[in-house]
N, C-alpha and C. Protein backbone atom coordinates (compact mmCIF):
# COMPACT_ATOMS: atom_id res chain seq x y z
N UNK A 1 0.84 -1.05 0.14
CA UNK A 1 0.04 -0.05 -0.05
C UNK A 1 0.94 1.17 -0.03
N UNK A 2 0.36 2.28 -0.88
CA UNK A 2 1.37 3.33 -1.01
C UNK A 2 1.23 4.30 0.36
N UNK A 3 2.29 5.03 0.90
CA UNK A 3 2.09 6.05 1.86
C UNK A 3 1.02 6.92 1.80
N UNK A 4 0.53 7.42 0.66
CA UNK A 4 -0.47 8.25 0.40
C UNK A 4 -1.89 7.49 0.74
N UNK A 5 -1.98 6.38 0.51
CA UNK A 5 -3.21 5.45 0.73
C UNK A 5 -3.14 5.10 2.28
N UNK A 6 -1.93 4.86 2.90
CA UNK A 6 -1.98 4.48 4.29
C UNK A 6 -2.46 5.77 5.16
N UNK A 7 -2.19 7.06 4.73
CA UNK A 7 -2.39 8.20 5.33
C UNK A 7 -3.97 8.53 5.38
N UNK A 8 -4.60 7.76 4.36
CA UNK A 8 -6.18 8.07 4.11
C UNK A 8 -6.84 7.14 5.20
N UNK A 9 -6.27 6.06 5.46
CA UNK A 9 -6.93 5.11 6.17
C UNK A 9 -7.15 5.69 7.78
N UNK A 10 -8.39 5.63 8.25
CA UNK A 10 -8.47 6.16 9.68
C UNK A 10 -8.85 4.85 10.49
N UNK A 11 -8.49 4.93 11.88
CA UNK A 11 -8.98 3.82 12.68
C UNK A 11 -10.39 3.42 12.41
N UNK A 12 -10.58 2.22 12.86
CA UNK A 12 -12.11 1.71 12.59
C UNK A 12 -12.95 2.43 13.75
N UNK A 13 -12.37 2.96 14.86
CA UNK A 13 -13.10 3.55 15.93
C UNK A 13 -13.66 4.91 15.44
N UNK A 14 -12.96 5.56 14.48
CA UNK A 14 -13.36 6.94 13.88
C UNK A 14 -14.61 6.62 12.97
N UNK A 15 -14.54 5.61 12.52
CA UNK A 15 -15.83 5.09 11.36
C UNK A 15 -16.97 4.97 12.26
N UNK A 16 -16.90 4.00 13.44
CA UNK A 16 -18.05 3.70 14.31
C UNK A 16 -18.55 4.95 14.94
N UNK A 17 -17.40 5.91 15.38
CA UNK A 17 -17.99 7.12 16.02
C UNK A 17 -18.73 8.08 15.06
N UNK A 18 -18.29 8.19 13.75
CA UNK A 18 -19.08 8.81 12.58
C UNK A 18 -20.46 8.28 12.42
N UNK A 19 -20.47 6.96 12.42
CA UNK A 19 -21.84 6.22 12.23
C UNK A 19 -22.80 6.56 13.51
N UNK A 20 -22.23 6.44 14.71
CA UNK A 20 -23.01 6.56 15.70
C UNK A 20 -23.54 8.05 15.93
N UNK A 21 -22.68 9.23 15.41
CA UNK A 21 -23.07 10.52 15.44
C UNK A 21 -24.21 10.60 14.29
N UNK A 22 -24.11 10.16 13.09
CA UNK A 22 -25.10 10.13 12.35
C UNK A 22 -26.45 9.29 12.93
N UNK A 23 -26.45 8.42 13.58
CA UNK A 23 -27.50 7.62 13.97
C UNK A 23 -28.30 8.46 15.10
N UNK A 24 -27.42 9.23 15.99
CA UNK A 24 -28.02 9.97 17.04
C UNK A 24 -28.61 11.29 16.56
N UNK A 25 -28.11 11.79 15.53
CA UNK A 25 -28.73 12.89 14.69
C UNK A 25 -29.95 12.50 14.24
N UNK A 26 -30.37 11.40 13.60
CA UNK A 26 -31.54 11.00 13.03
C UNK A 26 -32.64 10.83 14.18
N UNK A 27 -32.26 10.68 15.28
CA UNK A 27 -33.20 10.45 16.38
C UNK A 27 -34.22 11.59 16.69
N UNK A 28 -33.81 12.75 16.35
CA UNK A 28 -34.68 13.91 16.63
C UNK A 28 -35.09 14.00 18.30
N UNK A 29 -34.20 13.59 19.03
CA UNK A 29 -34.28 13.74 20.49
C UNK A 29 -35.02 12.57 21.26
N UNK A 30 -35.36 11.47 20.44
CA UNK A 30 -36.02 10.34 20.90
C UNK A 30 -34.81 9.43 21.45
N UNK A 31 -35.05 8.92 22.41
CA UNK A 31 -33.87 8.04 23.28
C UNK A 31 -33.90 6.57 22.65
N UNK A 32 -32.88 6.06 22.03
CA UNK A 32 -32.73 4.68 21.70
C UNK A 32 -32.98 3.73 22.77
N UNK A 33 -33.43 2.65 22.64
CA UNK A 33 -33.56 1.54 23.64
C UNK A 33 -32.74 0.36 23.39
N UNK A 34 -32.18 -0.06 24.38
CA UNK A 34 -31.16 -1.18 24.41
C UNK A 34 -30.11 -0.97 23.33
N UNK A 35 -29.50 0.27 23.35
CA UNK A 35 -28.57 0.72 22.36
C UNK A 35 -27.30 -0.44 22.33
N UNK A 36 -26.81 -0.85 23.41
CA UNK A 36 -25.68 -1.80 23.43
C UNK A 36 -25.99 -3.02 22.54
N UNK A 37 -27.33 -3.76 22.89
CA UNK A 37 -27.56 -4.90 22.13
C UNK A 37 -27.88 -4.49 20.69
N UNK A 38 -28.61 -3.48 20.43
CA UNK A 38 -28.62 -3.16 18.94
C UNK A 38 -27.34 -3.03 18.21
N UNK A 39 -26.37 -2.38 18.82
CA UNK A 39 -25.06 -2.20 18.26
C UNK A 39 -24.41 -3.48 18.00
N UNK A 40 -24.42 -4.33 18.91
CA UNK A 40 -23.72 -5.85 18.78
C UNK A 40 -24.49 -6.51 17.67
N UNK A 41 -25.94 -6.45 17.67
CA UNK A 41 -26.73 -7.25 16.61
C UNK A 41 -26.32 -6.72 15.18
N UNK A 42 -25.91 -5.39 15.09
CA UNK A 42 -25.46 -4.91 13.83
C UNK A 42 -24.02 -5.10 13.42
N UNK A 43 -23.22 -5.14 14.39
CA UNK A 43 -21.68 -5.45 14.18
C UNK A 43 -21.44 -6.78 14.21
N UNK A 44 -21.82 -7.64 14.81
CA UNK A 44 -21.38 -8.93 14.97
C UNK A 44 -21.57 -9.75 13.73
N UNK A 45 -22.73 -9.86 13.14
CA UNK A 45 -22.85 -10.66 11.90
C UNK A 45 -21.95 -10.23 10.82
N UNK A 46 -21.78 -9.09 10.43
CA UNK A 46 -20.72 -8.83 9.39
C UNK A 46 -19.26 -9.20 9.83
N UNK A 47 -18.99 -8.87 11.09
CA UNK A 47 -17.65 -9.30 11.74
C UNK A 47 -17.39 -10.75 11.69
N UNK A 48 -18.43 -11.57 11.93
CA UNK A 48 -18.29 -13.04 11.83
C UNK A 48 -18.09 -13.53 10.32
N UNK A 49 -19.08 -12.98 9.59
CA UNK A 49 -18.97 -13.27 8.08
C UNK A 49 -17.59 -12.87 7.38
N UNK A 50 -17.09 -11.60 7.72
CA UNK A 50 -16.07 -11.30 7.03
C UNK A 50 -14.65 -12.14 7.68
N UNK A 51 -14.78 -12.49 8.79
CA UNK A 51 -13.68 -13.19 9.48
C UNK A 51 -13.62 -14.66 8.92
N UNK A 52 -14.83 -15.15 8.62
CA UNK A 52 -14.95 -16.51 8.01
C UNK A 52 -14.61 -16.52 6.68
N UNK A 53 -14.95 -15.45 5.93
CA UNK A 53 -14.36 -15.43 4.51
C UNK A 53 -12.72 -15.19 4.49
N UNK A 54 -12.40 -14.41 5.37
CA UNK A 54 -10.88 -14.20 5.45
C UNK A 54 -10.09 -15.65 5.79
N UNK A 55 -10.82 -16.44 6.60
CA UNK A 55 -10.18 -17.78 6.87
C UNK A 55 -10.65 -18.95 6.12
N UNK A 56 -11.27 -18.55 4.93
CA UNK A 56 -11.77 -19.49 4.04
C UNK A 56 -12.77 -20.73 4.51
N UNK A 57 -13.63 -20.12 5.65
CA UNK A 57 -14.55 -20.85 6.25
C UNK A 57 -14.14 -21.77 7.40
N UNK A 58 -12.75 -21.76 7.74
CA UNK A 58 -12.17 -22.47 8.67
C UNK A 58 -12.52 -21.75 10.05
N UNK A 59 -13.32 -22.58 10.89
CA UNK A 59 -14.01 -22.03 12.00
C UNK A 59 -13.02 -21.81 13.17
N UNK A 60 -11.93 -22.90 13.20
CA UNK A 60 -11.10 -22.86 14.39
C UNK A 60 -10.10 -21.69 14.13
N UNK A 61 -9.76 -21.52 12.99
CA UNK A 61 -8.86 -20.27 12.60
C UNK A 61 -9.67 -18.97 12.83
N UNK A 62 -10.84 -18.88 12.41
CA UNK A 62 -11.65 -17.77 12.75
C UNK A 62 -11.84 -17.51 14.21
N UNK A 63 -12.18 -18.42 14.87
CA UNK A 63 -12.38 -18.23 16.30
C UNK A 63 -11.10 -17.80 17.00
N UNK A 64 -9.86 -18.27 16.73
CA UNK A 64 -8.68 -17.70 16.98
C UNK A 64 -8.56 -16.52 16.76
N UNK A 65 -8.72 -15.79 15.65
CA UNK A 65 -8.52 -14.39 15.08
C UNK A 65 -9.58 -13.58 15.88
N UNK A 66 -10.61 -14.20 16.30
CA UNK A 66 -11.71 -13.30 16.95
C UNK A 66 -11.55 -13.38 18.44
N UNK A 67 -10.44 -14.33 18.91
CA UNK A 67 -10.53 -14.28 20.32
C UNK A 67 -11.53 -15.01 21.01
N UNK A 68 -12.15 -15.85 20.37
CA UNK A 68 -13.37 -16.55 20.91
C UNK A 68 -13.16 -18.17 20.99
N UNK A 69 -13.84 -18.87 21.88
CA UNK A 69 -13.83 -20.15 21.95
C UNK A 69 -14.67 -20.78 20.48
N UNK A 70 -14.13 -21.80 20.03
CA UNK A 70 -14.81 -22.36 18.81
C UNK A 70 -16.23 -22.67 19.12
N UNK A 71 -16.67 -23.09 20.29
CA UNK A 71 -18.16 -23.31 20.80
C UNK A 71 -18.84 -21.91 20.80
N UNK A 72 -18.14 -20.81 21.20
CA UNK A 72 -18.83 -19.55 21.39
C UNK A 72 -18.92 -19.10 19.78
N UNK A 73 -18.08 -19.37 19.02
CA UNK A 73 -18.37 -18.89 17.63
C UNK A 73 -19.31 -19.63 17.09
N UNK A 74 -19.51 -20.85 17.12
CA UNK A 74 -20.57 -21.79 16.53
C UNK A 74 -21.86 -21.21 17.25
N UNK A 75 -21.99 -20.94 18.39
CA UNK A 75 -23.30 -20.42 19.10
C UNK A 75 -23.62 -19.27 18.47
N UNK A 76 -22.80 -18.19 18.27
CA UNK A 76 -23.06 -16.97 17.59
C UNK A 76 -23.34 -17.14 16.11
N UNK A 77 -22.87 -18.06 15.32
CA UNK A 77 -23.14 -18.36 14.12
C UNK A 77 -24.55 -18.83 13.87
N UNK A 78 -25.06 -19.67 14.94
CA UNK A 78 -26.36 -20.09 15.12
C UNK A 78 -27.33 -19.07 15.56
N UNK A 79 -26.87 -18.24 16.35
CA UNK A 79 -27.85 -16.91 16.71
C UNK A 79 -28.13 -16.09 15.53
N UNK A 80 -27.12 -15.81 14.66
CA UNK A 80 -27.41 -15.01 13.62
C UNK A 80 -27.72 -15.69 12.35
N UNK A 81 -27.90 -16.98 12.47
CA UNK A 81 -28.35 -17.78 11.37
C UNK A 81 -27.29 -17.73 10.19
N UNK A 82 -26.03 -17.63 10.51
CA UNK A 82 -24.86 -17.55 9.41
C UNK A 82 -24.47 -18.87 9.30
N UNK A 83 -24.50 -19.31 7.84
CA UNK A 83 -24.02 -20.57 7.40
C UNK A 83 -22.46 -20.48 7.19
N UNK A 84 -21.62 -21.04 8.02
CA UNK A 84 -20.14 -20.96 7.89
C UNK A 84 -19.73 -21.44 6.44
N UNK A 85 -20.45 -22.12 5.69
CA UNK A 85 -19.97 -22.67 4.46
C UNK A 85 -20.27 -21.65 3.22
N UNK A 86 -21.14 -20.81 3.58
CA UNK A 86 -21.50 -19.62 2.61
C UNK A 86 -20.48 -18.31 2.56
N UNK A 87 -20.29 -17.90 1.66
CA UNK A 87 -19.33 -16.88 1.76
C UNK A 87 -20.10 -15.35 1.33
N UNK A 88 -21.50 -15.40 1.35
CA UNK A 88 -22.12 -14.23 0.83
C UNK A 88 -21.27 -13.14 0.33
């Protein structure tokens, strides 16, 4: 990656903060409910799918990268109805 491209990359936390600011701006003063759970439900599925794709569907390797026990990964895949053999 060129130095110019590296300089354009901002940390993930900045993107998350930007998205949350946009989300709060759309609430027009209304309070969100169960914000923590809502964020997890929005973030976990794409994280799991992307990690599985990166690991070519290898759940052991994906669980290692995620810092999860393999059984926990499988439980989350079931919770979100993610087929580990699909690369969507």
